[in-house]
Amino acid sequence: MNFVKACRVTFVIMLLFGAQETFSGPLLDSIIERSVLGEDEPSSGTVSLPKGVRLLRDIPYGNDAKQIMDVYAPLNATHAPVVFMVHGGAWRTGDKSMRTVVENKVARWTPKGIIFISVNYRLLPKADPLQQTEDVAHALAFAQAKAASWGGDPSRFILMGHSAGAHIVDLLASAPSKAFVLGAQPWLGTVSLDSAAMDVVQIMESKHYRLYDKAFGSNAAFWRSTSPFHVLEAGAAPILAVCSTKRPDKPCLQANGFAKKAASLGIRVNVLEQKMTHKQINAELGMPGGYTESVETFMMTLDDSLAKALTK
């Protein structure tokens, strides 16, 4: 076992006994992200495309080098539904072309006539989570405006995100007016894959990992403005909150608390608890099995034609 792996094992054991606040430094931050949250080092590459699917790579939606997206579109798509995916990475790393973000989802859904879009956004320290959410809202508005040219339907988008990306789509889903102001149209619903922060205020006021300090700082007003739980407003489209029961920071508690508040506002939030790691919840979506079928069952409730596509 090398030094980094040994540190990882030791650190995770101590986390389980509540000792994480005694640790600091970039190496241990990396250990948190990769061992506790299950984030891989960013790895991009060419994903094998299903037959009859084209890839439009690095389409810009803004002036920054990070403001780009990839579009995986069936060649015969017409008024197709669109899955709009936002990668994770602790708000400071990650990429739209990571295999865990793209591979199984594209393989599963594009042959069914569904367009899959994977988007990049500015990262810490260049942009904070609120600015990142604005990036994604701009990207959504751009993609909806261009959807018809790719064979898509701008009114049949599903937002999806993992980890920090799940936090971003949760923030947009909770307060869709923030996206509408930036030019986005209403979307069908949102799939949140093991959000890193449903209730930012609760996280920051409790014992927490250092990566949250880097993302959210010390301003309580900023915590509230970036907390899906606190900005949740009536009229939000349905949300599926997938959460890992294997993470020591217990994200399902936050997901269920969010769902309870949503219900009081007349918003449908379904919680899907999974005995999977944080990484598996992202990487294994699209693989045959009960987990993918459960996510698709939610998606099918959003649109009749999408339901037909998913049952092909």
C-alpha atoms as a PDB file:
ATOM      1  CA  MET A   1       0.000   0.000   0.000  1.00  0.00           C
ATOM      2  CA  ASN A   2       1.483   3.375  -1.020  1.00  0.00           C
ATOM      3  CA  PHE A   3       1.569   6.450   1.229  1.00  0.00           C
ATOM      4  CA  VAL A   4      -1.471   8.162  -0.260  1.00  0.00           C
ATOM      5  CA  LYS A   5      -3.583   5.003  -0.033  1.00  0.00           C
ATOM      6  CA  ALA A   6      -2.463   4.459   3.552  1.00  0.00           C
ATOM      7  CA  CYS A   7      -3.411   8.060   4.397  1.00  0.00           C
ATOM      8  CA  ARG A   8      -6.783   7.553   2.773  1.00  0.00           C
ATOM      9  CA  VAL A   9      -7.565   4.471   4.817  1.00  0.00           C
ATOM     10  CA  THR A  10      -6.417   6.084   8.061  1.00  0.00           C
ATOM     11  CA  PHE A  11      -8.312   9.271   7.352  1.00  0.00           C
ATOM     12  CA  VAL A  12     -11.584   7.548   6.503  1.00  0.00           C
ATOM     13  CA  ILE A  13     -11.378   5.481   9.689  1.00  0.00           C
ATOM     14  CA  MET A  14     -10.875   8.637  11.735  1.00  0.00           C
ATOM     15  CA  LEU A  15     -13.718  10.371   9.907  1.00  0.00           C
ATOM     16  CA  LEU A  16     -16.039   7.634  11.023  1.00  0.00           C
ATOM     17  CA  PHE A  17     -15.093   8.450  14.621  1.00  0.00           C
ATOM     18  CA  GLY A  18     -15.782  12.155  14.152  1.00  0.00           C
ATOM     19  CA  ALA A  19     -12.185  13.416  14.028  1.00  0.00           C
ATOM     20  CA  GLN A  20     -12.197  15.168  10.655  1.00  0.00           C
ATOM     21  CA  GLU A  21     -11.969  18.697  12.043  1.00  0.00           C
ATOM     22  CA  THR A  22      -8.385  18.047  13.202  1.00  0.00           C
ATOM     23  CA  PHE A  23      -7.106  17.584   9.655  1.00  0.00           C
ATOM     24  CA  SER A  24      -6.117  20.152   7.086  1.00  0.00           C
ATOM     25  CA  GLY A  25      -4.054  20.604   3.960  1.00  0.00           C
ATOM     26  CA  PRO A  26      -4.459  19.963   0.246  1.00  0.00           C
ATOM     27  CA  LEU A  27      -3.458  16.304   0.375  1.00  0.00           C
ATOM     28  CA  LEU A  28      -6.096  15.512   2.973  1.00  0.00           C
ATOM     29  CA  ASP A  29      -8.667  17.601   1.111  1.00  0.00           C
ATOM     30  CA  SER A  30      -8.003  15.389  -1.891  1.00  0.00           C
ATOM     31  CA  ILE A  31      -8.382  12.292   0.270  1.00  0.00           C
ATOM     32  CA  ILE A  32     -11.784  13.535   1.454  1.00  0.00           C
ATOM     33  CA  GLU A  33     -13.037  14.106  -2.043  1.00  0.00           C
ATOM     34  CA  ARG A  34     -11.763  10.855  -3.482  1.00  0.00           C
ATOM     35  CA  SER A  35     -12.304   8.478  -0.556  1.00  0.00           C
ATOM     36  CA  VAL A  36     -15.311   9.839   1.300  1.00  0.00           C
ATOM     37  CA  LEU A  37     -17.227  11.404  -1.581  1.00  0.00           C
ATOM     38  CA  GLY A  38     -15.844   8.939  -4.109  1.00  0.00           C
ATOM     39  CA  GLU A  39     -14.717  11.490  -6.693  1.00  0.00           C
ATOM     40  CA  ASP A  40     -12.213  10.316  -9.272  1.00  0.00           C
ATOM     41  CA  GLU A  41      -9.428  12.426 -10.593  1.00  0.00           C
ATOM     42  CA  PRO A  42     -10.864  14.115 -13.702  1.00  0.00           C
ATOM     43  CA  SER A  43     -10.437  11.718 -16.586  1.00  0.00           C
ATOM     44  CA  SER A  44     -11.691  12.577 -20.026  1.00  0.00           C
ATOM     45  CA  GLY A  45     -11.619  10.528 -23.140  1.00  0.00           C
ATOM     46  CA  THR A  46     -13.506   9.480 -26.207  1.00  0.00           C
ATOM     47  CA  VAL A  47     -16.675   7.617 -25.342  1.00  0.00           C
ATOM     48  CA  SER A  48     -17.838   5.013 -27.839  1.00  0.00           C
ATOM     49  CA  LEU A  49     -20.897   6.360 -29.603  1.00  0.00           C
ATOM     50  CA  PRO A  50     -23.892   4.127 -30.228  1.00  0.00           C
ATOM     51  CA  LYS A  51     -24.712   3.599 -33.881  1.00  0.00           C
ATOM     52  CA  GLY A  52     -26.621   6.508 -35.371  1.00  0.00           C
ATOM     53  CA  VAL A  53     -25.488   9.043 -32.757  1.00  0.00           C
ATOM     54  CA  ARG A  54     -23.334  12.104 -33.452  1.00  0.00           C
ATOM     55  CA  LEU A  55     -21.214  14.081 -30.998  1.00  0.00           C
ATOM     56  CA  LEU A  56     -21.061  17.867 -31.244  1.00  0.00           C
ATOM     57  CA  ARG A  57     -18.104  18.686 -29.006  1.00  0.00           C
ATOM     58  CA  ASP A  58     -17.107  21.865 -27.162  1.00  0.00           C
ATOM     59  CA  ILE A  59     -19.995  24.066 -28.261  1.00  0.00           C
ATOM     60  CA  PRO A  60     -19.522  27.462 -26.572  1.00  0.00           C
ATOM     61  CA  TYR A  61     -22.372  29.107 -24.668  1.00  0.00           C
ATOM     62  CA  GLY A  62     -20.241  31.942 -23.245  1.00  0.00           C
ATOM     63  CA  ASN A  63     -16.891  33.651 -23.578  1.00  0.00           C
ATOM     64  CA  ASP A  64     -14.948  31.709 -20.933  1.00  0.00           C
ATOM     65  CA  ALA A  65     -13.028  28.602 -22.001  1.00  0.00           C
ATOM     66  CA  LYS A  66     -15.022  26.547 -19.493  1.00  0.00           C
ATOM     67  CA  GLN A  67     -18.390  27.687 -20.831  1.00  0.00           C
ATOM     68  CA  ILE A  68     -18.799  24.850 -23.311  1.00  0.00           C
ATOM     69  CA  MET A  69     -20.974  21.781 -23.757  1.00  0.00           C
ATOM     70  CA  ASP A  70     -21.034  18.471 -25.614  1.00  0.00           C
ATOM     71  CA  VAL A  71     -24.192  17.297 -27.389  1.00  0.00           C
ATOM     72  CA  TYR A  72     -24.834  13.611 -28.087  1.00  0.00           C
ATOM     73  CA  ALA A  73     -27.696  13.584 -30.590  1.00  0.00           C
ATOM     74  CA  PRO A  74     -29.380  10.725 -32.452  1.00  0.00           C
ATOM     75  CA  LEU A  75     -29.146  11.424 -36.179  1.00  0.00           C
ATOM     76  CA  ASN A  76     -32.880  10.881 -36.702  1.00  0.00           C
ATOM     77  CA  ALA A  77     -34.011  12.895 -33.649  1.00  0.00           C
ATOM     78  CA  THR A  78     -37.154  15.005 -34.063  1.00  0.00           C
ATOM     79  CA  HIS A  79     -38.700  16.899 -31.148  1.00  0.00           C
ATOM     80  CA  ALA A  80     -36.617  14.617 -28.929  1.00  0.00           C
ATOM     81  CA  PRO A  81     -36.484  14.880 -25.145  1.00  0.00           C
ATOM     82  CA  VAL A  82     -33.168  16.112 -23.729  1.00  0.00           C
ATOM     83  CA  VAL A  83     -31.213  15.104 -20.635  1.00  0.00           C
ATOM     84  CA  PHE A  84     -29.061  18.067 -19.581  1.00  0.00           C
ATOM     85  CA  MET A  85     -26.200  16.819 -17.361  1.00  0.00           C
ATOM     86  CA  VAL A  86     -24.009  18.821 -14.939  1.00  0.00           C
ATOM     87  CA  HIS A  87     -20.826  17.125 -13.658  1.00  0.00           C
ATOM     88  CA  GLY A  88     -19.591  17.160 -10.066  1.00  0.00           C
ATOM     89  CA  GLY A  89     -16.189  17.674  -8.509  1.00  0.00           C
ATOM     90  CA  ALA A  90     -16.457  19.678  -5.254  1.00  0.00           C
ATOM     91  CA  TRP A  91     -17.163  22.862  -7.245  1.00  0.00           C
ATOM     92  CA  ARG A  92     -13.486  23.065  -8.239  1.00  0.00           C
ATOM     93  CA  THR A  93     -12.741  20.138 -10.543  1.00  0.00           C
ATOM     94  CA  GLY A  94     -14.419  17.707 -12.941  1.00  0.00           C
ATOM     95  CA  ASP A  95     -15.246  17.771 -16.625  1.00  0.00           C
ATOM     96  CA  LYS A  96     -18.177  17.187 -18.973  1.00  0.00           C
ATOM     97  CA  SER A  97     -16.420  14.320 -20.759  1.00  0.00           C
ATOM     98  CA  MET A  98     -15.568  12.181 -17.722  1.00  0.00           C
ATOM     99  CA  ARG A  99     -16.619   8.593 -18.381  1.00  0.00           C
ATOM    100  CA  THR A 100     -18.545   8.392 -15.110  1.00  0.00           C
ATOM    101  CA  VAL A 101     -20.587  11.382 -16.259  1.00  0.00           C
ATOM    102  CA  VAL A 102     -21.282  10.317 -19.826  1.00  0.00           C
ATOM    103  CA  GLU A 103     -20.593   6.741 -20.873  1.00  0.00           C
ATOM    104  CA  ASN A 104     -23.441   4.626 -19.499  1.00  0.00           C
ATOM    105  CA  LYS A 105     -26.037   7.367 -19.813  1.00  0.00           C
ATOM    106  CA  VAL A 106     -25.275   7.966 -23.493  1.00  0.00           C
ATOM    107  CA  ALA A 107     -25.197   4.232 -24.175  1.00  0.00           C
ATOM    108  CA  ARG A 108     -28.606   3.795 -22.538  1.00  0.00           C
ATOM    109  CA  TRP A 109     -30.598   6.803 -23.673  1.00  0.00           C
ATOM    110  CA  THR A 110     -29.414   8.006 -27.073  1.00  0.00           C
ATOM    111  CA  PRO A 111     -30.435   4.751 -28.825  1.00  0.00           C
ATOM    112  CA  LYS A 112     -33.929   5.434 -27.446  1.00  0.00           C
ATOM    113  CA  GLY A 113     -34.027   8.769 -29.289  1.00  0.00           C
ATOM    114  CA  ILE A 114     -33.042  10.967 -26.325  1.00  0.00           C
ATOM    115  CA  ILE A 115     -30.475  13.754 -26.703  1.00  0.00           C
ATOM    116  CA  PHE A 116     -27.830  13.905 -23.982  1.00  0.00           C
ATOM    117  CA  ILE A 117     -26.008  17.168 -23.231  1.00  0.00           C
ATOM    118  CA  SER A 118     -23.045  17.386 -20.859  1.00  0.00           C
ATOM    119  CA  VAL A 119     -22.007  20.863 -19.767  1.00  0.00           C
ATOM    120  CA  ASN A 120     -18.917  22.489 -18.267  1.00  0.00           C
ATOM    121  CA  TYR A 121     -18.956  25.626 -16.136  1.00  0.00           C
ATOM    122  CA  ARG A 122     -16.417  27.866 -14.439  1.00  0.00           C
ATOM    123  CA  LEU A 123     -14.867  26.365 -11.318  1.00  0.00           C
ATOM    124  CA  LEU A 124     -13.439  27.524  -8.013  1.00  0.00           C
ATOM    125  CA  PRO A 125     -11.619  29.771  -7.382  1.00  0.00           C
ATOM    126  CA  LYS A 126     -12.629  31.606 -10.560  1.00  0.00           C
ATOM    127  CA  ALA A 127     -16.363  31.279  -9.905  1.00  0.00           C
ATOM    128  CA  ASP A 128     -18.258  30.537  -6.698  1.00  0.00           C
ATOM    129  CA  PRO A 129     -21.256  28.143  -6.577  1.00  0.00           C
ATOM    130  CA  LEU A 130     -23.750  30.945  -7.229  1.00  0.00           C
ATOM    131  CA  GLN A 131     -21.837  32.053 -10.342  1.00  0.00           C
ATOM    132  CA  GLN A 132     -21.527  28.421 -11.398  1.00  0.00           C
ATOM    133  CA  THR A 133     -25.306  28.094 -11.125  1.00  0.00           C
ATOM    134  CA  GLU A 134     -25.688  31.180 -13.315  1.00  0.00           C
ATOM    135  CA  ASP A 135     -23.332  29.558 -15.849  1.00  0.00           C
ATOM    136  CA  VAL A 136     -25.508  26.456 -15.945  1.00  0.00           C
ATOM    137  CA  ALA A 137     -28.677  28.543 -16.290  1.00  0.00           C
ATOM    138  CA  HIS A 138     -27.118  30.376 -19.251  1.00  0.00           C
ATOM    139  CA  ALA A 139     -26.063  27.022 -20.724  1.00  0.00           C
ATOM    140  CA  LEU A 140     -29.602  25.696 -20.309  1.00  0.00           C
ATOM    141  CA  ALA A 141     -31.093  28.733 -22.028  1.00  0.00           C
ATOM    142  CA  PHE A 142     -28.586  28.394 -24.873  1.00  0.00           C
ATOM    143  CA  ALA A 143     -29.257  24.653 -25.266  1.00  0.00           C
ATOM    144  CA  GLN A 144     -33.021  25.181 -25.305  1.00  0.00           C
ATOM    145  CA  ALA A 145     -32.641  27.875 -27.964  1.00  0.00           C
ATOM    146  CA  LYS A 146     -30.516  25.525 -30.107  1.00  0.00           C
ATOM    147  CA  ALA A 147     -32.415  22.312 -29.338  1.00  0.00           C
ATOM    148  CA  ALA A 148     -34.485  22.268 -32.521  1.00  0.00           C
ATOM    149  CA  SER A 149     -31.340  22.410 -34.668  1.00  0.00           C
ATOM    150  CA  TRP A 150     -30.147  19.208 -32.943  1.00  0.00           C
ATOM    151  CA  GLY A 151     -33.532  17.516 -33.274  1.00  0.00           C
ATOM    152  CA  GLY A 152     -34.599  18.310 -29.711  1.00  0.00           C
ATOM    153  CA  ASP A 153     -37.634  19.856 -28.070  1.00  0.00           C
ATOM    154  CA  PRO A 154     -36.843  22.862 -25.836  1.00  0.00           C
ATOM    155  CA  SER A 155     -39.895  22.171 -23.669  1.00  0.00           C
ATOM    156  CA  ARG A 156     -38.854  18.576 -22.889  1.00  0.00           C
ATOM    157  CA  PHE A 157     -35.612  19.026 -20.951  1.00  0.00           C
ATOM    158  CA  ILE A 158     -34.704  17.103 -17.802  1.00  0.00           C
ATOM    159  CA  LEU A 159     -31.994  18.611 -15.614  1.00  0.00           C
ATOM    160  CA  MET A 160     -29.548  16.135 -14.099  1.00  0.00           C
ATOM    161  CA  GLY A 161     -26.448  16.616 -11.969  1.00  0.00           C
ATOM    162  CA  HIS A 162     -24.105  14.674  -9.718  1.00  0.00           C
ATOM    163  CA  SER A 163     -22.509  15.799  -6.438  1.00  0.00           C
ATOM    164  CA  ALA A 164     -21.652  19.505  -6.769  1.00  0.00           C
ATOM    165  CA  GLY A 165     -23.484  19.373 -10.097  1.00  0.00           C
ATOM    166  CA  ALA A 166     -26.512  18.000  -8.248  1.00  0.00           C
ATOM    167  CA  HIS A 167     -26.314  20.973  -5.880  1.00  0.00           C
ATOM    168  CA  ILE A 168     -26.326  23.302  -8.896  1.00  0.00           C
ATOM    169  CA  VAL A 169     -29.366  21.707 -10.549  1.00  0.00           C
ATOM    170  CA  ASP A 170     -31.114  21.527  -7.162  1.00  0.00           C
ATOM    171  CA  LEU A 171     -30.565  25.257  -6.746  1.00  0.00           C
ATOM    172  CA  LEU A 172     -32.079  25.940 -10.170  1.00  0.00           C
ATOM    173  CA  ALA A 173     -34.915  23.492  -9.551  1.00  0.00           C
ATOM    174  CA  SER A 174     -35.708  25.068  -6.186  1.00  0.00           C
ATOM    175  CA  ALA A 175     -35.850  28.602  -7.548  1.00  0.00           C
ATOM    176  CA  PRO A 176     -36.563  28.267 -11.297  1.00  0.00           C
ATOM    177  CA  SER A 177     -37.298  31.973 -11.576  1.00  0.00           C
ATOM    178  CA  LYS A 178     -33.535  32.536 -11.317  1.00  0.00           C
ATOM    179  CA  ALA A 179     -33.113  30.500 -14.503  1.00  0.00           C
ATOM    180  CA  PHE A 180     -36.068  32.095 -16.278  1.00  0.00           C
ATOM    181  CA  VAL A 181     -34.604  35.575 -15.726  1.00  0.00           C
ATOM    182  CA  LEU A 182     -31.481  34.406 -17.556  1.00  0.00           C
ATOM    183  CA  GLY A 183     -33.487  33.161 -20.552  1.00  0.00           C
ATOM    184  CA  ALA A 184     -34.266  29.540 -19.690  1.00  0.00           C
ATOM    185  CA  GLN A 185     -37.660  27.998 -20.364  1.00  0.00           C
ATOM    186  CA  PRO A 186     -39.519  25.694 -17.942  1.00  0.00           C
ATOM    187  CA  TRP A 187     -38.234  22.112 -17.895  1.00  0.00           C
ATOM    188  CA  LEU A 188     -39.969  18.833 -17.122  1.00  0.00           C
ATOM    189  CA  GLY A 189     -38.140  17.900 -13.924  1.00  0.00           C
ATOM    190  CA  THR A 190     -34.807  17.394 -12.222  1.00  0.00           C
ATOM    191  CA  VAL A 191     -32.775  14.311 -11.276  1.00  0.00           C
ATOM    192  CA  SER A 192     -30.351  15.050  -8.437  1.00  0.00           C
ATOM    193  CA  LEU A 193     -27.653  12.382  -8.076  1.00  0.00           C
ATOM    194  CA  ASP A 194     -26.375  12.389  -4.487  1.00  0.00           C
ATOM    195  CA  SER A 195     -26.298  16.136  -3.915  1.00  0.00           C
ATOM    196  CA  ALA A 196     -23.338  17.516  -2.009  1.00  0.00           C
ATOM    197  CA  ALA A 197     -25.475  20.223  -0.398  1.00  0.00           C
ATOM    198  CA  MET A 198     -29.260  20.290  -0.115  1.00  0.00           C
ATOM    199  CA  ASP A 199     -29.138  22.428   3.041  1.00  0.00           C
ATOM    200  CA  VAL A 200     -25.968  24.528   2.932  1.00  0.00           C
ATOM    201  CA  VAL A 201     -26.790  26.389   6.152  1.00  0.00           C
ATOM    202  CA  GLN A 202     -27.095  23.155   8.118  1.00  0.00           C
ATOM    203  CA  ILE A 203     -23.817  21.898   6.693  1.00  0.00           C
ATOM    204  CA  MET A 204     -21.885  25.059   7.465  1.00  0.00           C
ATOM    205  CA  GLU A 205     -23.279  25.374  10.996  1.00  0.00           C
ATOM    206  CA  SER A 206     -22.266  21.782  11.802  1.00  0.00           C
ATOM    207  CA  LYS A 207     -19.035  19.812  11.655  1.00  0.00           C
ATOM    208  CA  HIS A 208     -18.169  19.585   7.963  1.00  0.00           C
ATOM    209  CA  TYR A 209     -15.461  18.818   5.445  1.00  0.00           C
ATOM    210  CA  ARG A 210     -13.037  21.572   4.480  1.00  0.00           C
ATOM    211  CA  LEU A 211     -14.118  21.438   0.841  1.00  0.00           C
ATOM    212  CA  TYR A 212     -17.359  23.176   1.876  1.00  0.00           C
ATOM    213  CA  ASP A 213     -15.409  26.084   3.350  1.00  0.00           C
ATOM    214  CA  LYS A 214     -13.676  26.556   0.017  1.00  0.00           C
ATOM    215  CA  ALA A 215     -17.002  26.581  -1.786  1.00  0.00           C
ATOM    216  CA  PHE A 216     -19.233  28.543   0.607  1.00  0.00           C
ATOM    217  CA  GLY A 217     -16.910  30.607   2.794  1.00  0.00           C
ATOM    218  CA  SER A 218     -18.042  32.205   6.054  1.00  0.00           C
ATOM    219  CA  ASN A 219     -20.888  34.518   4.977  1.00  0.00           C
ATOM    220  CA  ALA A 220     -24.197  33.236   6.368  1.00  0.00           C
ATOM    221  CA  ALA A 221     -26.195  35.242   3.809  1.00  0.00           C
ATOM    222  CA  PHE A 222     -24.264  33.510   1.019  1.00  0.00           C
ATOM    223  CA  TRP A 223     -24.995  30.132   2.595  1.00  0.00           C
ATOM    224  CA  ARG A 224     -28.730  30.848   2.415  1.00  0.00           C
ATOM    225  CA  SER A 225     -28.555  32.140  -1.159  1.00  0.00           C
ATOM    226  CA  THR A 226     -26.845  28.939  -2.298  1.00  0.00           C
ATOM    227  CA  SER A 227     -28.982  26.526  -0.245  1.00  0.00           C
ATOM    228  CA  PRO A 228     -31.725  24.720  -2.215  1.00  0.00           C
ATOM    229  CA  PHE A 229     -33.643  24.113   1.028  1.00  0.00           C
ATOM    230  CA  HIS A 230     -33.760  27.839   1.807  1.00  0.00           C
ATOM    231  CA  VAL A 231     -34.565  29.180  -1.682  1.00  0.00           C
ATOM    232  CA  LEU A 232     -37.231  26.550  -2.464  1.00  0.00           C
ATOM    233  CA  GLU A 233     -40.290  28.236  -3.942  1.00  0.00           C
ATOM    234  CA  ALA A 234     -43.763  27.033  -4.888  1.00  0.00           C
ATOM    235  CA  GLY A 235     -44.185  26.057  -8.521  1.00  0.00           C
ATOM    236  CA  ALA A 236     -40.974  24.076  -8.870  1.00  0.00           C
ATOM    237  CA  ALA A 237     -41.107  21.104 -11.251  1.00  0.00           C
ATOM    238  CA  PRO A 238     -40.815  17.554  -9.831  1.00  0.00           C
ATOM    239  CA  ILE A 239     -37.448  16.477  -8.421  1.00  0.00           C
ATOM    240  CA  LEU A 240     -35.934  13.034  -7.858  1.00  0.00           C
ATOM    241  CA  ALA A 241     -33.311  13.096  -5.097  1.00  0.00           C
ATOM    242  CA  VAL A 242     -31.077  10.030  -5.303  1.00  0.00           C
ATOM    243  CA  CYS A 243     -28.943   9.618  -2.179  1.00  0.00           C
ATOM    244  CA  SER A 244     -26.270   7.235  -0.940  1.00  0.00           C
ATOM    245  CA  THR A 245     -26.842   5.348   2.307  1.00  0.00           C
ATOM    246  CA  LYS A 246     -23.123   4.499   2.410  1.00  0.00           C
ATOM    247  CA  ARG A 247     -21.745   8.025   2.855  1.00  0.00           C
ATOM    248  CA  PRO A 248     -20.720   8.902   6.433  1.00  0.00           C
ATOM    249  CA  ASP A 249     -22.209  12.402   6.114  1.00  0.00           C
ATOM    250  CA  LYS A 250     -25.695  10.895   5.582  1.00  0.00           C
ATOM    251  CA  PRO A 251     -27.012  12.819   2.545  1.00  0.00           C
ATOM    252  CA  CYS A 252     -30.358  10.990   2.739  1.00  0.00           C
ATOM    253  CA  LEU A 253     -31.196  12.943   5.899  1.00  0.00           C
ATOM    254  CA  GLN A 254     -30.867  16.168   3.916  1.00  0.00           C
ATOM    255  CA  ALA A 255     -32.771  14.722   0.953  1.00  0.00           C
ATOM    256  CA  ASN A 256     -35.698  13.696   3.146  1.00  0.00           C
ATOM    257  CA  GLY A 257     -35.719  17.046   4.935  1.00  0.00           C
ATOM    258  CA  PHE A 258     -35.810  18.790   1.573  1.00  0.00           C
ATOM    259  CA  ALA A 259     -38.660  16.540   0.397  1.00  0.00           C
ATOM    260  CA  LYS A 260     -40.665  17.309   3.547  1.00  0.00           C
ATOM    261  CA  LYS A 261     -40.383  21.061   3.006  1.00  0.00           C
ATOM    262  CA  ALA A 262     -41.200  20.644  -0.695  1.00  0.00           C
ATOM    263  CA  ALA A 263     -44.373  18.733   0.161  1.00  0.00           C
ATOM    264  CA  SER A 264     -45.525  21.634   2.338  1.00  0.00           C
ATOM    265  CA  LEU A 265     -45.245  23.863  -0.764  1.00  0.00           C
ATOM    266  CA  GLY A 266     -47.050  21.417  -3.049  1.00  0.00           C
ATOM    267  CA  ILE A 267     -43.858  20.335  -4.851  1.00  0.00           C
ATOM    268  CA  ARG A 268     -43.260  16.687  -5.711  1.00  0.00           C
ATOM    269  CA  VAL A 269     -39.878  15.469  -4.510  1.00  0.00           C
ATOM    270  CA  ASN A 270     -39.216  11.729  -4.570  1.00  0.00           C
ATOM    271  CA  VAL A 271     -36.277  10.398  -2.562  1.00  0.00           C
ATOM    272  CA  LEU A 272     -34.492   7.313  -3.904  1.00  0.00           C
ATOM    273  CA  GLU A 273     -32.150   5.874  -1.272  1.00  0.00           C
ATOM    274  CA  GLN A 274     -29.469   3.613  -2.708  1.00  0.00           C
ATOM    275  CA  LYS A 275     -26.961   1.313  -1.013  1.00  0.00           C
ATOM    276  CA  MET A 276     -24.282   2.564  -3.394  1.00  0.00           C
ATOM    277  CA  THR A 277     -21.233   4.769  -3.112  1.00  0.00           C
ATOM    278  CA  HIS A 278     -21.287   8.399  -4.213  1.00  0.00           C
ATOM    279  CA  LYS A 279     -19.317   7.452  -7.323  1.00  0.00           C
ATOM    280  CA  GLN A 280     -21.510   4.466  -8.187  1.00  0.00           C
ATOM    281  CA  ILE A 281     -24.679   6.576  -8.130  1.00  0.00           C
ATOM    282  CA  ASN A 282     -23.243   8.558 -11.037  1.00  0.00           C
ATOM    283  CA  ALA A 283     -21.216   5.932 -12.902  1.00  0.00           C
ATOM    284  CA  GLU A 284     -23.806   3.141 -12.825  1.00  0.00           C
ATOM    285  CA  LEU A 285     -26.792   5.171 -13.957  1.00  0.00           C
ATOM    286  CA  GLY A 286     -27.584   3.809 -17.391  1.00  0.00           C
ATOM    287  CA  MET A 287     -26.422   0.274 -16.642  1.00  0.00           C
ATOM    288  CA  PRO A 288     -29.161  -2.376 -16.777  1.00  0.00           C
ATOM    289  CA  GLY A 289     -30.760  -3.028 -13.413  1.00  0.00           C
ATOM    290  CA  GLY A 290     -33.134  -1.815 -10.756  1.00  0.00           C
ATOM    291  CA  TYR A 291     -31.342   1.451 -10.036  1.00  0.00           C
ATOM    292  CA  THR A 292     -31.534   2.746 -13.616  1.00  0.00           C
ATOM    293  CA  GLU A 293     -35.118   1.490 -13.906  1.00  0.00           C
ATOM    294  CA  SER A 294     -36.105   3.408 -10.765  1.00  0.00           C
ATOM    295  CA  VAL A 295     -34.676   6.640 -12.136  1.00  0.00           C
ATOM    296  CA  GLU A 296     -36.413   6.042 -15.463  1.00  0.00           C
ATOM    297  CA  THR A 297     -39.704   5.364 -13.696  1.00  0.00           C
ATOM    298  CA  PHE A 298     -39.527   8.890 -12.299  1.00  0.00           C
ATOM    299  CA  MET A 299     -38.574  10.286 -15.706  1.00  0.00           C
ATOM    300  CA  MET A 300     -41.538   8.539 -17.330  1.00  0.00           C
ATOM    301  CA  THR A 301     -43.967  10.359 -15.026  1.00  0.00           C
ATOM    302  CA  LEU A 302     -42.818  13.698 -16.480  1.00  0.00           C
ATOM    303  CA  ASP A 303     -43.855  13.270 -20.119  1.00  0.00           C
ATOM    304  CA  ASP A 304     -45.920  10.694 -22.040  1.00  0.00           C
ATOM    305  CA  SER A 305     -43.691  10.678 -25.116  1.00  0.00           C
ATOM    306  CA  LEU A 306     -40.600  10.355 -22.921  1.00  0.00           C
ATOM    307  CA  ALA A 307     -42.244   7.370 -21.247  1.00  0.00           C
ATOM    308  CA  LYS A 308     -42.716   5.767 -24.670  1.00  0.00           C
ATOM    309  CA  ALA A 309     -39.080   6.402 -25.577  1.00  0.00           C
ATOM    310  CA  LEU A 310     -37.795   4.891 -22.355  1.00  0.00           C
ATOM    311  CA  THR A 311     -39.829   1.717 -22.800  1.00  0.00           C
ATOM    312  CA  LYS A 312     -38.378   0.962 -26.250  1.00  0.00           C
END
